[in-house]
Amino acid sequence: MSKRDELIAKYAADLKDKCGIDADMDLLTRVTIGCGPSIYNADSATVSSSDENELETVKNNFLIKKLGLSEGDDLDGAINKVMDTYGRSNRNKYRAVVYYLLTKHFAKESAY
């Protein structure tokens, strides 16, 4: 099993255990691949829900640039909802899982 496959299995377990969601493994795999090498770096592999700059990066680089959404789509509300679903007290919020949840929230699976 490759390192990426191990991470995808970890992300699927996080979705099930912490969010109560059975992952669409095909979409989760495509989202994980879309994250690129950031999933292998401990700092960039996670998203801090308390860091406003980090949340702005998620909004601008992922929601607007990758998914093609606009400011009028209540992006901040969606990010907050995803952080609540994932659990704000959860220390490790994996970027691929956050992106997966946002992709599902906006029904933008077609971006992948």
PDB file of N, CA and C in Angstrom:
ATOM      1  N   MET A   1       0.845  -1.180   0.000  1.00  0.00           N
ATOM      2  CA  MET A   1       0.000   0.000   0.000  1.00  0.00           C
ATOM      3  C   MET A   1       0.889   1.241   0.000  1.00  0.00           C
ATOM      4  N   SER A   2       0.612   2.166  -0.920  1.00  0.00           N
ATOM      5  CA  SER A   2       1.431   3.372  -1.006  1.00  0.00           C
ATOM      6  C   SER A   2       1.090   4.337   0.122  1.00  0.00           C
ATOM      7  N   LYS A   3       1.950   5.309   0.311  1.00  0.00           N
ATOM      8  CA  LYS A   3       1.737   6.320   1.354  1.00  0.00           C
ATOM      9  C   LYS A   3       0.419   7.063   1.098  1.00  0.00           C
ATOM     10  N   ARG A   4       0.150   7.382  -0.173  1.00  0.00           N
ATOM     11  CA  ARG A   4      -1.092   8.090  -0.500  1.00  0.00           C
ATOM     12  C   ARG A   4      -2.303   7.229  -0.165  1.00  0.00           C
ATOM     13  N   ASP A   5      -2.246   5.935  -0.473  1.00  0.00           N
ATOM     14  CA  ASP A   5      -3.361   5.034  -0.151  1.00  0.00           C
ATOM     15  C   ASP A   5      -3.588   4.953   1.356  1.00  0.00           C
ATOM     16  N   GLU A   6      -2.492   4.960   2.113  1.00  0.00           N
ATOM     17  CA  GLU A   6      -2.609   4.943   3.576  1.00  0.00           C
ATOM     18  C   GLU A   6      -3.296   6.209   4.077  1.00  0.00           C
ATOM     19  N   LEU A   7      -2.929   7.345   3.499  1.00  0.00           N
ATOM     20  CA  LEU A   7      -3.538   8.617   3.897  1.00  0.00           C
ATOM     21  C   LEU A   7      -5.019   8.654   3.532  1.00  0.00           C
ATOM     22  N   ILE A   8      -5.366   8.157   2.354  1.00  0.00           N
ATOM     23  CA  ILE A   8      -6.774   8.128   1.928  1.00  0.00           C
ATOM     24  C   ILE A   8      -7.585   7.268   2.896  1.00  0.00           C
ATOM     25  N   ALA A   9      -7.024   6.132   3.320  1.00  0.00           N
ATOM     26  CA  ALA A   9      -7.711   5.275   4.293  1.00  0.00           C
ATOM     27  C   ALA A   9      -7.878   6.009   5.624  1.00  0.00           C
ATOM     28  N   LYS A  10      -6.860   6.784   6.017  1.00  0.00           N
ATOM     29  CA  LYS A  10      -6.942   7.565   7.259  1.00  0.00           C
ATOM     30  C   LYS A  10      -8.028   8.636   7.142  1.00  0.00           C
ATOM     31  N   TYR A  11      -8.119   9.289   5.972  1.00  0.00           N
ATOM     32  CA  TYR A  11      -9.127  10.327   5.755  1.00  0.00           C
ATOM     33  C   TYR A  11     -10.534   9.726   5.777  1.00  0.00           C
ATOM     34  N   ALA A  12     -10.692   8.553   5.172  1.00  0.00           N
ATOM     35  CA  ALA A  12     -11.996   7.885   5.168  1.00  0.00           C
ATOM     36  C   ALA A  12     -12.415   7.520   6.592  1.00  0.00           C
ATOM     37  N   ALA A  13     -11.454   7.073   7.398  1.00  0.00           N
ATOM     38  CA  ALA A  13     -11.741   6.741   8.795  1.00  0.00           C
ATOM     39  C   ALA A  13     -12.134   7.993   9.569  1.00  0.00           C
ATOM     40  N   ASP A  14     -11.465   9.111   9.292  1.00  0.00           N
ATOM     41  CA  ASP A  14     -11.807  10.377   9.935  1.00  0.00           C
ATOM     42  C   ASP A  14     -13.234  10.794   9.582  1.00  0.00           C
ATOM     43  N   LEU A  15     -13.586  10.664   8.309  1.00  0.00           N
ATOM     44  CA  LEU A  15     -14.946  11.016   7.893  1.00  0.00           C
ATOM     45  C   LEU A  15     -15.979  10.170   8.626  1.00  0.00           C
ATOM     46  N   LYS A  16     -15.701   8.880   8.768  1.00  0.00           N
ATOM     47  CA  LYS A  16     -16.647   7.973   9.418  1.00  0.00           C
ATOM     48  C   LYS A  16     -16.705   8.216  10.923  1.00  0.00           C
ATOM     49  N   ASP A  17     -15.546   8.301  11.560  1.00  0.00           N
ATOM     50  CA  ASP A  17     -15.490   8.398  13.021  1.00  0.00           C
ATOM     51  C   ASP A  17     -15.852   9.782  13.548  1.00  0.00           C
ATOM     52  N   LYS A  18     -15.376  10.825  12.891  1.00  0.00           N
ATOM     53  CA  LYS A  18     -15.550  12.179  13.423  1.00  0.00           C
ATOM     54  C   LYS A  18     -16.723  12.932  12.814  1.00  0.00           C
ATOM     55  N   CYS A  19     -17.127  12.537  11.606  1.00  0.00           N
ATOM     56  CA  CYS A  19     -18.207  13.259  10.926  1.00  0.00           C
ATOM     57  C   CYS A  19     -19.446  12.393  10.729  1.00  0.00           C
ATOM     58  N   GLY A  20     -19.301  11.091  10.932  1.00  0.00           N
ATOM     59  CA  GLY A  20     -20.431  10.189  10.732  1.00  0.00           C
ATOM     60  C   GLY A  20     -20.828  10.045   9.276  1.00  0.00           C
ATOM     61  N   ILE A  21     -19.858  10.160   8.375  1.00  0.00           N
ATOM     62  CA  ILE A  21     -20.125  10.126   6.933  1.00  0.00           C
ATOM     63  C   ILE A  21     -19.374   8.952   6.302  1.00  0.00           C
ATOM     64  N   ASP A  22     -20.095   8.179   5.497  1.00  0.00           N
ATOM     65  CA  ASP A  22     -19.438   7.150   4.698  1.00  0.00           C
ATOM     66  C   ASP A  22     -18.914   7.823   3.431  1.00  0.00           C
ATOM     67  N   ALA A  23     -17.616   7.800   3.252  1.00  0.00           N
ATOM     68  CA  ALA A  23     -16.983   8.525   2.155  1.00  0.00           C
ATOM     69  C   ALA A  23     -17.251   7.881   0.807  1.00  0.00           C
ATOM     70  N   ASP A  24     -17.423   8.725  -0.195  1.00  0.00           N
ATOM     71  CA  ASP A  24     -17.404   8.315  -1.590  1.00  0.00           C
ATOM     72  C   ASP A  24     -15.912   8.182  -1.908  1.00  0.00           C
ATOM     73  N   MET A  25     -15.417   6.957  -1.899  1.00  0.00           N
ATOM     74  CA  MET A  25     -13.970   6.735  -1.998  1.00  0.00           C
ATOM     75  C   MET A  25     -13.368   7.267  -3.294  1.00  0.00           C
ATOM     76  N   ASP A  26     -14.123   7.214  -4.381  1.00  0.00           N
ATOM     77  CA  ASP A  26     -13.624   7.730  -5.652  1.00  0.00           C
ATOM     78  C   ASP A  26     -13.406   9.242  -5.551  1.00  0.00           C
ATOM     79  N   LEU A  27     -14.387   9.949  -5.002  1.00  0.00           N
ATOM     80  CA  LEU A  27     -14.253  11.396  -4.849  1.00  0.00           C
ATOM     81  C   LEU A  27     -13.156  11.732  -3.841  1.00  0.00           C
ATOM     82  N   LEU A  28     -13.104  11.025  -2.727  1.00  0.00           N
ATOM     83  CA  LEU A  28     -12.073  11.276  -1.720  1.00  0.00           C
ATOM     84  C   LEU A  28     -10.677  11.084  -2.315  1.00  0.00           C
ATOM     85  N   THR A  29     -10.518  10.069  -3.134  1.00  0.00           N
ATOM     86  CA  THR A  29      -9.233   9.827  -3.801  1.00  0.00           C
ATOM     87  C   THR A  29      -8.886  10.985  -4.722  1.00  0.00           C
ATOM     88  N   ARG A  30      -9.856  11.452  -5.508  1.00  0.00           N
ATOM     89  CA  ARG A  30      -9.596  12.557  -6.440  1.00  0.00           C
ATOM     90  C   ARG A  30      -9.298  13.855  -5.696  1.00  0.00           C
ATOM     91  N   VAL A  31     -10.002  14.112  -4.583  1.00  0.00           N
ATOM     92  CA  VAL A  31      -9.737  15.313  -3.784  1.00  0.00           C
ATOM     93  C   VAL A  31      -8.332  15.230  -3.187  1.00  0.00           C
ATOM     94  N   THR A  32      -7.968  14.060  -2.674  1.00  0.00           N
ATOM     95  CA  THR A  32      -6.643  13.874  -2.078  1.00  0.00           C
ATOM     96  C   THR A  32      -5.545  14.096  -3.118  1.00  0.00           C
ATOM     97  N   ILE A  33      -5.716  13.537  -4.299  1.00  0.00           N
ATOM     98  CA  ILE A  33      -4.739  13.740  -5.374  1.00  0.00           C
ATOM     99  C   ILE A  33      -4.660  15.226  -5.726  1.00  0.00           C
ATOM    100  N   GLY A  34      -5.810  15.903  -5.716  1.00  0.00           N
ATOM    101  CA  GLY A  34      -5.858  17.332  -6.019  1.00  0.00           C
ATOM    102  C   GLY A  34      -5.112  18.188  -5.012  1.00  0.00           C
ATOM    103  N   CYS A  35      -4.948  17.687  -3.792  1.00  0.00           N
ATOM    104  CA  CYS A  35      -4.198  18.433  -2.765  1.00  0.00           C
ATOM    105  C   CYS A  35      -2.705  18.435  -3.059  1.00  0.00           C
ATOM    106  N   GLY A  36      -2.274  17.517  -3.900  1.00  0.00           N
ATOM    107  CA  GLY A  36      -0.866  17.464  -4.275  1.00  0.00           C
ATOM    108  C   GLY A  36       0.039  17.064  -3.130  1.00  0.00           C
ATOM    109  N   PRO A  37       1.284  17.542  -3.164  1.00  0.00           N
ATOM    110  CA  PRO A  37       2.263  17.132  -2.145  1.00  0.00           C
ATOM    111  C   PRO A  37       1.976  17.683  -0.753  1.00  0.00           C
ATOM    112  N   SER A  38       1.022  18.589  -0.618  1.00  0.00           N
ATOM    113  CA  SER A  38       0.742  19.174   0.702  1.00  0.00           C
ATOM    114  C   SER A  38       0.296  18.123   1.715  1.00  0.00           C
ATOM    115  N   ILE A  39      -0.262  17.000   1.249  1.00  0.00           N
ATOM    116  CA  ILE A  39      -0.740  15.972   2.181  1.00  0.00           C
ATOM    117  C   ILE A  39       0.402  15.264   2.902  1.00  0.00           C
ATOM    118  N   TYR A  40       1.609  15.399   2.402  1.00  0.00           N
ATOM    119  CA  TYR A  40       2.757  14.720   3.005  1.00  0.00           C
ATOM    120  C   TYR A  40       3.493  15.596   4.020  1.00  0.00           C
ATOM    121  N   ASN A  41       3.142  16.868   4.110  1.00  0.00           N
ATOM    122  CA  ASN A  41       3.780  17.800   5.033  1.00  0.00           C
ATOM    123  C   ASN A  41       2.851  17.981   6.230  1.00  0.00           C
ATOM    124  N   ALA A  42       3.362  17.766   7.430  1.00  0.00           N
ATOM    125  CA  ALA A  42       2.527  17.796   8.641  1.00  0.00           C
ATOM    126  C   ALA A  42       1.787  19.122   8.798  1.00  0.00           C
ATOM    127  N   ASP A  43       2.425  20.234   8.472  1.00  0.00           N
ATOM    128  CA  ASP A  43       1.778  21.539   8.652  1.00  0.00           C
ATOM    129  C   ASP A  43       0.718  21.798   7.588  1.00  0.00           C
ATOM    130  N   SER A  44       1.045  21.549   6.339  1.00  0.00           N
ATOM    131  CA  SER A  44       0.102  21.861   5.261  1.00  0.00           C
ATOM    132  C   SER A  44      -0.976  20.797   5.093  1.00  0.00           C
ATOM    133  N   ALA A  45      -0.819  19.639   5.706  1.00  0.00           N
ATOM    134  CA  ALA A  45      -1.815  18.569   5.579  1.00  0.00           C
ATOM    135  C   ALA A  45      -3.054  18.824   6.418  1.00  0.00           C
ATOM    136  N   THR A  46      -2.955  19.783   7.351  1.00  0.00           N
ATOM    137  CA  THR A  46      -4.091  20.075   8.226  1.00  0.00           C
ATOM    138  C   THR A  46      -4.553  21.523   8.050  1.00  0.00           C
ATOM    139  N   VAL A  47      -5.783  21.773   8.479  1.00  0.00           N
ATOM    140  CA  VAL A  47      -6.363  23.114   8.434  1.00  0.00           C
ATOM    141  C   VAL A  47      -6.679  23.527   9.862  1.00  0.00           C
ATOM    142  N   SER A  48      -6.247  24.711  10.242  1.00  0.00           N
ATOM    143  CA  SER A  48      -6.528  25.233  11.578  1.00  0.00           C
ATOM    144  C   SER A  48      -7.799  26.068  11.521  1.00  0.00           C
ATOM    145  N   SER A  49      -8.825  25.629  12.240  1.00  0.00           N
ATOM    146  CA  SER A  49     -10.101  26.362  12.203  1.00  0.00           C
ATOM    147  C   SER A  49     -10.035  27.671  12.981  1.00  0.00           C
ATOM    148  N   SER A  50      -8.990  27.870  13.774  1.00  0.00           N
ATOM    149  CA  SER A  50      -8.872  29.100  14.555  1.00  0.00           C
ATOM    150  C   SER A  50      -7.974  30.138  13.881  1.00  0.00           C
ATOM    151  N   ASP A  51      -7.358  29.789  12.764  1.00  0.00           N
ATOM    152  CA  ASP A  51      -6.459  30.694  12.049  1.00  0.00           C
ATOM    153  C   ASP A  51      -7.204  31.340  10.877  1.00  0.00           C
ATOM    154  N   GLU A  52      -7.540  32.629  11.039  1.00  0.00           N
ATOM    155  CA  GLU A  52      -8.311  33.330  10.003  1.00  0.00           C
ATOM    156  C   GLU A  52      -7.588  33.346   8.655  1.00  0.00           C
ATOM    157  N   ASN A  53      -6.261  33.490   8.667  1.00  0.00           N
ATOM    158  CA  ASN A  53      -5.504  33.494   7.410  1.00  0.00           C
ATOM    159  C   ASN A  53      -5.624  32.165   6.691  1.00  0.00           C
ATOM    160  N   GLU A  54      -5.603  31.098   7.452  1.00  0.00           N
ATOM    161  CA  GLU A  54      -5.726  29.763   6.859  1.00  0.00           C
ATOM    162  C   GLU A  54      -7.109  29.568   6.236  1.00  0.00           C
ATOM    163  N   LEU A  55      -8.132  30.035   6.928  1.00  0.00           N
ATOM    164  CA  LEU A  55      -9.494  29.910   6.405  1.00  0.00           C
ATOM    165  C   LEU A  55      -9.688  30.772   5.154  1.00  0.00           C
ATOM    166  N   GLU A  56      -9.027  31.932   5.105  1.00  0.00           N
ATOM    167  CA  GLU A  56      -9.062  32.770   3.906  1.00  0.00           C
ATOM    168  C   GLU A  56      -8.403  32.051   2.735  1.00  0.00           C
ATOM    169  N   THR A  57      -7.312  31.345   3.021  1.00  0.00           N
ATOM    170  CA  THR A  57      -6.622  30.578   1.983  1.00  0.00           C
ATOM    171  C   THR A  57      -7.529  29.481   1.440  1.00  0.00           C
ATOM    172  N   VAL A  58      -8.231  28.774   2.329  1.00  0.00           N
ATOM    173  CA  VAL A  58      -9.176  27.738   1.895  1.00  0.00           C
ATOM    174  C   VAL A  58     -10.239  28.368   1.005  1.00  0.00           C
ATOM    175  N   LYS A  59     -10.744  29.513   1.433  1.00  0.00           N
ATOM    176  CA  LYS A  59     -11.804  30.179   0.678  1.00  0.00           C
ATOM    177  C   LYS A  59     -11.306  30.617  -0.701  1.00  0.00           C
ATOM    178  N   ASN A  60     -10.167  31.320  -0.731  1.00  0.00           N
ATOM    179  CA  ASN A  60      -9.675  31.871  -1.998  1.00  0.00           C
ATOM    180  C   ASN A  60      -9.090  30.822  -2.934  1.00  0.00           C
ATOM    181  N   ASN A  61      -8.238  29.958  -2.409  1.00  0.00           N
ATOM    182  CA  ASN A  61      -7.537  29.003  -3.272  1.00  0.00           C
ATOM    183  C   ASN A  61      -8.364  27.783  -3.618  1.00  0.00           C
ATOM    184  N   PHE A  62      -9.247  27.359  -2.721  1.00  0.00           N
ATOM    185  CA  PHE A  62     -10.024  26.161  -3.015  1.00  0.00           C
ATOM    186  C   PHE A  62     -11.431  26.497  -3.503  1.00  0.00           C
ATOM    187  N   LEU A  63     -12.186  27.198  -2.692  1.00  0.00           N
ATOM    188  CA  LEU A  63     -13.587  27.442  -3.059  1.00  0.00           C
ATOM    189  C   LEU A  63     -13.727  28.336  -4.291  1.00  0.00           C
ATOM    190  N   ILE A  64     -12.947  29.402  -4.350  1.00  0.00           N
ATOM    191  CA  ILE A  64     -13.094  30.336  -5.469  1.00  0.00           C
ATOM    192  C   ILE A  64     -12.317  29.862  -6.700  1.00  0.00           C
ATOM    193  N   LYS A  65     -11.030  29.531  -6.514  1.00  0.00           N
ATOM    194  CA  LYS A  65     -10.209  29.149  -7.670  1.00  0.00           C
ATOM    195  C   LYS A  65     -10.505  27.740  -8.171  1.00  0.00           C
ATOM    196  N   LYS A  66     -10.557  26.755  -7.273  1.00  0.00           N
ATOM    197  CA  LYS A  66     -10.731  25.369  -7.702  1.00  0.00           C
ATOM    198  C   LYS A  66     -12.186  25.039  -8.040  1.00  0.00           C
ATOM    199  N   LEU A  67     -13.109  25.392  -7.126  1.00  0.00           N
ATOM    200  CA  LEU A  67     -14.516  25.031  -7.353  1.00  0.00           C
ATOM    201  C   LEU A  67     -15.264  26.072  -8.170  1.00  0.00           C
ATOM    202  N   GLY A  68     -14.676  27.247  -8.375  1.00  0.00           N
ATOM    203  CA  GLY A  68     -15.300  28.264  -9.215  1.00  0.00           C
ATOM    204  C   GLY A  68     -16.486  28.960  -8.567  1.00  0.00           C
ATOM    205  N   LEU A  69     -16.508  29.038  -7.243  1.00  0.00           N
ATOM    206  CA  LEU A  69     -17.601  29.699  -6.543  1.00  0.00           C
ATOM    207  C   LEU A  69     -17.321  31.193  -6.432  1.00  0.00           C
ATOM    208  N   SER A  70     -18.348  31.963  -6.095  1.00  0.00           N
ATOM    209  CA  SER A  70     -18.167  33.403  -5.915  1.00  0.00           C
ATOM    210  C   SER A  70     -18.444  33.770  -4.467  1.00  0.00           C
ATOM    211  N   GLU A  71     -18.046  34.973  -4.090  1.00  0.00           N
ATOM    212  CA  GLU A  71     -18.242  35.449  -2.715  1.00  0.00           C
ATOM    213  C   GLU A  71     -19.705  35.374  -2.288  1.00  0.00           C
ATOM    214  N   GLY A  72     -20.619  35.500  -3.228  1.00  0.00           N
ATOM    215  CA  GLY A  72     -22.039  35.506  -2.917  1.00  0.00           C
ATOM    216  C   GLY A  72     -22.592  34.152  -2.505  1.00  0.00           C
ATOM    217  N   ASP A  73     -21.783  33.110  -2.539  1.00  0.00           N
ATOM    218  CA  ASP A  73     -22.251  31.756  -2.234  1.00  0.00           C
ATOM    219  C   ASP A  73     -22.158  31.404  -0.752  1.00  0.00           C
ATOM    220  N   ASP A  74     -22.024  32.395   0.138  1.00  0.00           N
ATOM    221  CA  ASP A  74     -21.887  32.187   1.582  1.00  0.00           C
ATOM    222  C   ASP A  74     -20.750  31.203   1.884  1.00  0.00           C
ATOM    223  N   LEU A  75     -19.578  31.539   1.401  1.00  0.00           N
ATOM    224  CA  LEU A  75     -18.411  30.677   1.568  1.00  0.00           C
ATOM    225  C   LEU A  75     -17.997  30.559   3.026  1.00  0.00           C
ATOM    226  N   ASP A  76     -18.026  31.688   3.759  1.00  0.00           N
ATOM    227  CA  ASP A  76     -17.638  31.649   5.172  1.00  0.00           C
ATOM    228  C   ASP A  76     -18.599  30.762   5.965  1.00  0.00           C
ATOM    229  N   GLY A  77     -19.883  30.848   5.656  1.00  0.00           N
ATOM    230  CA  GLY A  77     -20.878  30.019   6.337  1.00  0.00           C
ATOM    231  C   GLY A  77     -20.628  28.539   6.080  1.00  0.00           C
ATOM    232  N   ALA A  78     -20.268  28.203   4.849  1.00  0.00           N
ATOM    233  CA  ALA A  78     -19.990  26.809   4.498  1.00  0.00           C
ATOM    234  C   ALA A  78     -18.750  26.307   5.220  1.00  0.00           C
ATOM    235  N   ILE A  79     -17.718  27.148   5.284  1.00  0.00           N
ATOM    236  CA  ILE A  79     -16.488  26.758   5.985  1.00  0.00           C
ATOM    237  C   ILE A  79     -16.798  26.521   7.461  1.00  0.00           C
ATOM    238  N   ASN A  80     -17.575  27.419   8.069  1.00  0.00           N
ATOM    239  CA  ASN A  80     -17.942  27.252   9.478  1.00  0.00           C
ATOM    240  C   ASN A  80     -18.750  25.985   9.700  1.00  0.00           C
ATOM    241  N   LYS A  81     -19.663  25.690   8.787  1.00  0.00           N
ATOM    242  CA  LYS A  81     -20.478  24.475   8.910  1.00  0.00           C
ATOM    243  C   LYS A  81     -19.588  23.227   8.841  1.00  0.00           C
ATOM    244  N   VAL A  82     -18.648  23.224   7.905  1.00  0.00           N
ATOM    245  CA  VAL A  82     -17.737  22.090   7.771  1.00  0.00           C
ATOM    246  C   VAL A  82     -16.877  21.940   9.021  1.00  0.00           C
ATOM    247  N   MET A  83     -16.391  23.046   9.568  1.00  0.00           N
ATOM    248  CA  MET A  83     -15.567  22.984  10.783  1.00  0.00           C
ATOM    249  C   MET A  83     -16.389  22.458  11.959  1.00  0.00           C
ATOM    250  N   ASP A  84     -17.659  22.851  12.030  1.00  0.00           N
ATOM    251  CA  ASP A  84     -18.535  22.330  13.086  1.00  0.00           C
ATOM    252  C   ASP A  84     -18.778  20.831  12.897  1.00  0.00           C
ATOM    253  N   THR A  85     -19.002  20.416  11.652  1.00  0.00           N
ATOM    254  CA  THR A  85     -19.225  18.999  11.355  1.00  0.00           C
ATOM    255  C   THR A  85     -17.995  18.178  11.723  1.00  0.00           C
ATOM    256  N   TYR A  86     -16.824  18.688  11.377  1.00  0.00           N
ATOM    257  CA  TYR A  86     -15.565  17.976  11.639  1.00  0.00           C
ATOM    258  C   TYR A  86     -15.239  17.990  13.135  1.00  0.00           C
ATOM    259  N   GLY A  87     -15.706  19.017  13.827  1.00  0.00           N
ATOM    260  CA  GLY A  87     -15.449  19.143  15.260  1.00  0.00           C
ATOM    261  C   GLY A  87     -14.361  20.162  15.515  1.00  0.00           C
ATOM    262  N   ARG A  88     -14.761  21.328  15.983  1.00  0.00           N
ATOM    263  CA  ARG A  88     -13.780  22.399  16.215  1.00  0.00           C
ATOM    264  C   ARG A  88     -12.725  21.988  17.238  1.00  0.00           C
ATOM    265  N   SER A  89     -13.101  21.141  18.192  1.00  0.00           N
ATOM    266  CA  SER A  89     -12.136  20.724  19.210  1.00  0.00           C
ATOM    267  C   SER A  89     -11.177  19.651  18.693  1.00  0.00           C
ATOM    268  N   ASN A  90     -11.497  19.081  17.542  1.00  0.00           N
ATOM    269  CA  ASN A  90     -10.632  18.084  16.913  1.00  0.00           C
ATOM    270  C   ASN A  90      -9.343  18.780  16.464  1.00  0.00           C
ATOM    271  N   ARG A  91      -8.226  18.353  17.020  1.00  0.00           N
ATOM    272  CA  ARG A  91      -6.957  19.023  16.759  1.00  0.00           C
ATOM    273  C   ARG A  91      -6.484  18.872  15.313  1.00  0.00           C
ATOM    274  N   ASN A  92      -6.629  17.700  14.750  1.00  0.00           N
ATOM    275  CA  ASN A  92      -6.164  17.455  13.385  1.00  0.00           C
ATOM    276  C   ASN A  92      -7.330  17.421  12.414  1.00  0.00           C
ATOM    277  N   LYS A  93      -7.496  18.507  11.699  1.00  0.00           N
ATOM    278  CA  LYS A  93      -8.510  18.556  10.644  1.00  0.00           C
ATOM    279  C   LYS A  93      -7.745  18.461   9.322  1.00  0.00           C
ATOM    280  N   TYR A  94      -7.816  17.311   8.706  1.00  0.00           N
ATOM    281  CA  TYR A  94      -7.038  17.083   7.484  1.00  0.00           C
ATOM    282  C   TYR A  94      -7.607  17.886   6.323  1.00  0.00           C
ATOM    283  N   ARG A  95      -6.696  18.517   5.589  1.00  0.00           N
ATOM    284  CA  ARG A  95      -7.072  19.366   4.459  1.00  0.00           C
ATOM    285  C   ARG A  95      -7.923  18.595   3.445  1.00  0.00           C
ATOM    286  N   ALA A  96      -7.545  17.382   3.119  1.00  0.00           N
ATOM    287  CA  ALA A  96      -8.298  16.601   2.132  1.00  0.00           C
ATOM    288  C   ALA A  96      -9.726  16.346   2.610  1.00  0.00           C
ATOM    289  N   VAL A  97      -9.904  16.115   3.908  1.00  0.00           N
ATOM    290  CA  VAL A  97     -11.245  15.883   4.451  1.00  0.00           C
ATOM    291  C   VAL A  97     -12.063  17.168   4.406  1.00  0.00           C
ATOM    292  N   VAL A  98     -11.455  18.285   4.782  1.00  0.00           N
ATOM    293  CA  VAL A  98     -12.146  19.579   4.721  1.00  0.00           C
ATOM    294  C   VAL A  98     -12.559  19.876   3.281  1.00  0.00           C
ATOM    295  N   TYR A  99     -11.656  19.680   2.332  1.00  0.00           N
ATOM    296  CA  TYR A  99     -11.965  19.924   0.924  1.00  0.00           C
ATOM    297  C   TYR A  99     -13.064  18.979   0.432  1.00  0.00           C
ATOM    298  N   TYR A 100     -13.013  17.731   0.857  1.00  0.00           N
ATOM    299  CA  TYR A 100     -14.047  16.763   0.495  1.00  0.00           C
ATOM    300  C   TYR A 100     -15.414  17.240   0.995  1.00  0.00           C
ATOM    301  N   LEU A 101     -15.473  17.644   2.260  1.00  0.00           N
ATOM    302  CA  LEU A 101     -16.742  18.096   2.845  1.00  0.00           C
ATOM    303  C   LEU A 101     -17.260  19.355   2.143  1.00  0.00           C
ATOM    304  N   LEU A 102     -16.365  20.267   1.798  1.00  0.00           N
ATOM    305  CA  LEU A 102     -16.782  21.471   1.083  1.00  0.00           C
ATOM    306  C   LEU A 102     -17.263  21.142  -0.329  1.00  0.00           C
ATOM    307  N   THR A 103     -16.585  20.212  -0.982  1.00  0.00           N
ATOM    308  CA  THR A 103     -16.996  19.795  -2.321  1.00  0.00           C
ATOM    309  C   THR A 103     -18.403  19.198  -2.269  1.00  0.00           C
ATOM    310  N   LYS A 104     -18.655  18.346  -1.287  1.00  0.00           N
ATOM    311  CA  LYS A 104     -19.982  17.753  -1.115  1.00  0.00           C
ATOM    312  C   LYS A 104     -21.024  18.814  -0.753  1.00  0.00           C
ATOM    313  N   HIS A 105     -20.658  19.751   0.121  1.00  0.00           N
ATOM    314  CA  HIS A 105     -21.585  20.800   0.543  1.00  0.00           C
ATOM    315  C   HIS A 105     -22.121  21.593  -0.640  1.00  0.00           C
ATOM    316  N   PHE A 106     -21.221  21.946  -1.549  1.00  0.00           N
ATOM    317  CA  PHE A 106     -21.606  22.749  -2.709  1.00  0.00           C
ATOM    318  C   PHE A 106     -21.980  21.898  -3.923  1.00  0.00           C
ATOM    319  N   ALA A 107     -22.004  20.563  -3.762  1.00  0.00           N
ATOM    320  CA  ALA A 107     -22.323  19.641  -4.866  1.00  0.00           C
ATOM    321  C   ALA A 107     -21.471  19.956  -6.101  1.00  0.00           C
ATOM    322  N   LYS A 108     -20.170  20.123  -5.880  1.00  0.00           N
ATOM    323  CA  LYS A 108     -19.236  20.455  -6.955  1.00  0.00           C
ATOM    324  C   LYS A 108     -18.329  19.277  -7.306  1.00  0.00           C
ATOM    325  N   GLU A 109     -18.868  18.075  -7.188  1.00  0.00           N
ATOM    326  CA  GLU A 109     -18.080  16.886  -7.526  1.00  0.00           C
ATOM    327  C   GLU A 109     -17.565  16.945  -8.948  1.00  0.00           C
ATOM    328  N   SER A 110     -18.255  17.678  -9.805  1.00  0.00           N
ATOM    329  CA  SER A 110     -17.848  17.790 -11.209  1.00  0.00           C
ATOM    330  C   SER A 110     -16.501  18.491 -11.371  1.00  0.00           C
ATOM    331  N   ALA A 111     -16.065  19.231 -10.341  1.00  0.00           N
ATOM    332  CA  ALA A 111     -14.753  19.890 -10.409  1.00  0.00           C
ATOM    333  C   ALA A 111     -13.638  18.856 -10.428  1.00  0.00           C
ATOM    334  N   TYR A 112     -13.944  17.652 -10.019  1.00  0.00           N
ATOM    335  CA  TYR A 112     -12.967  16.571 -10.010  1.00  0.00           C
ATOM    336  C   TYR A 112     -13.314  15.565 -11.059  1.00  0.00           C
TER     337      TYR A 112
END
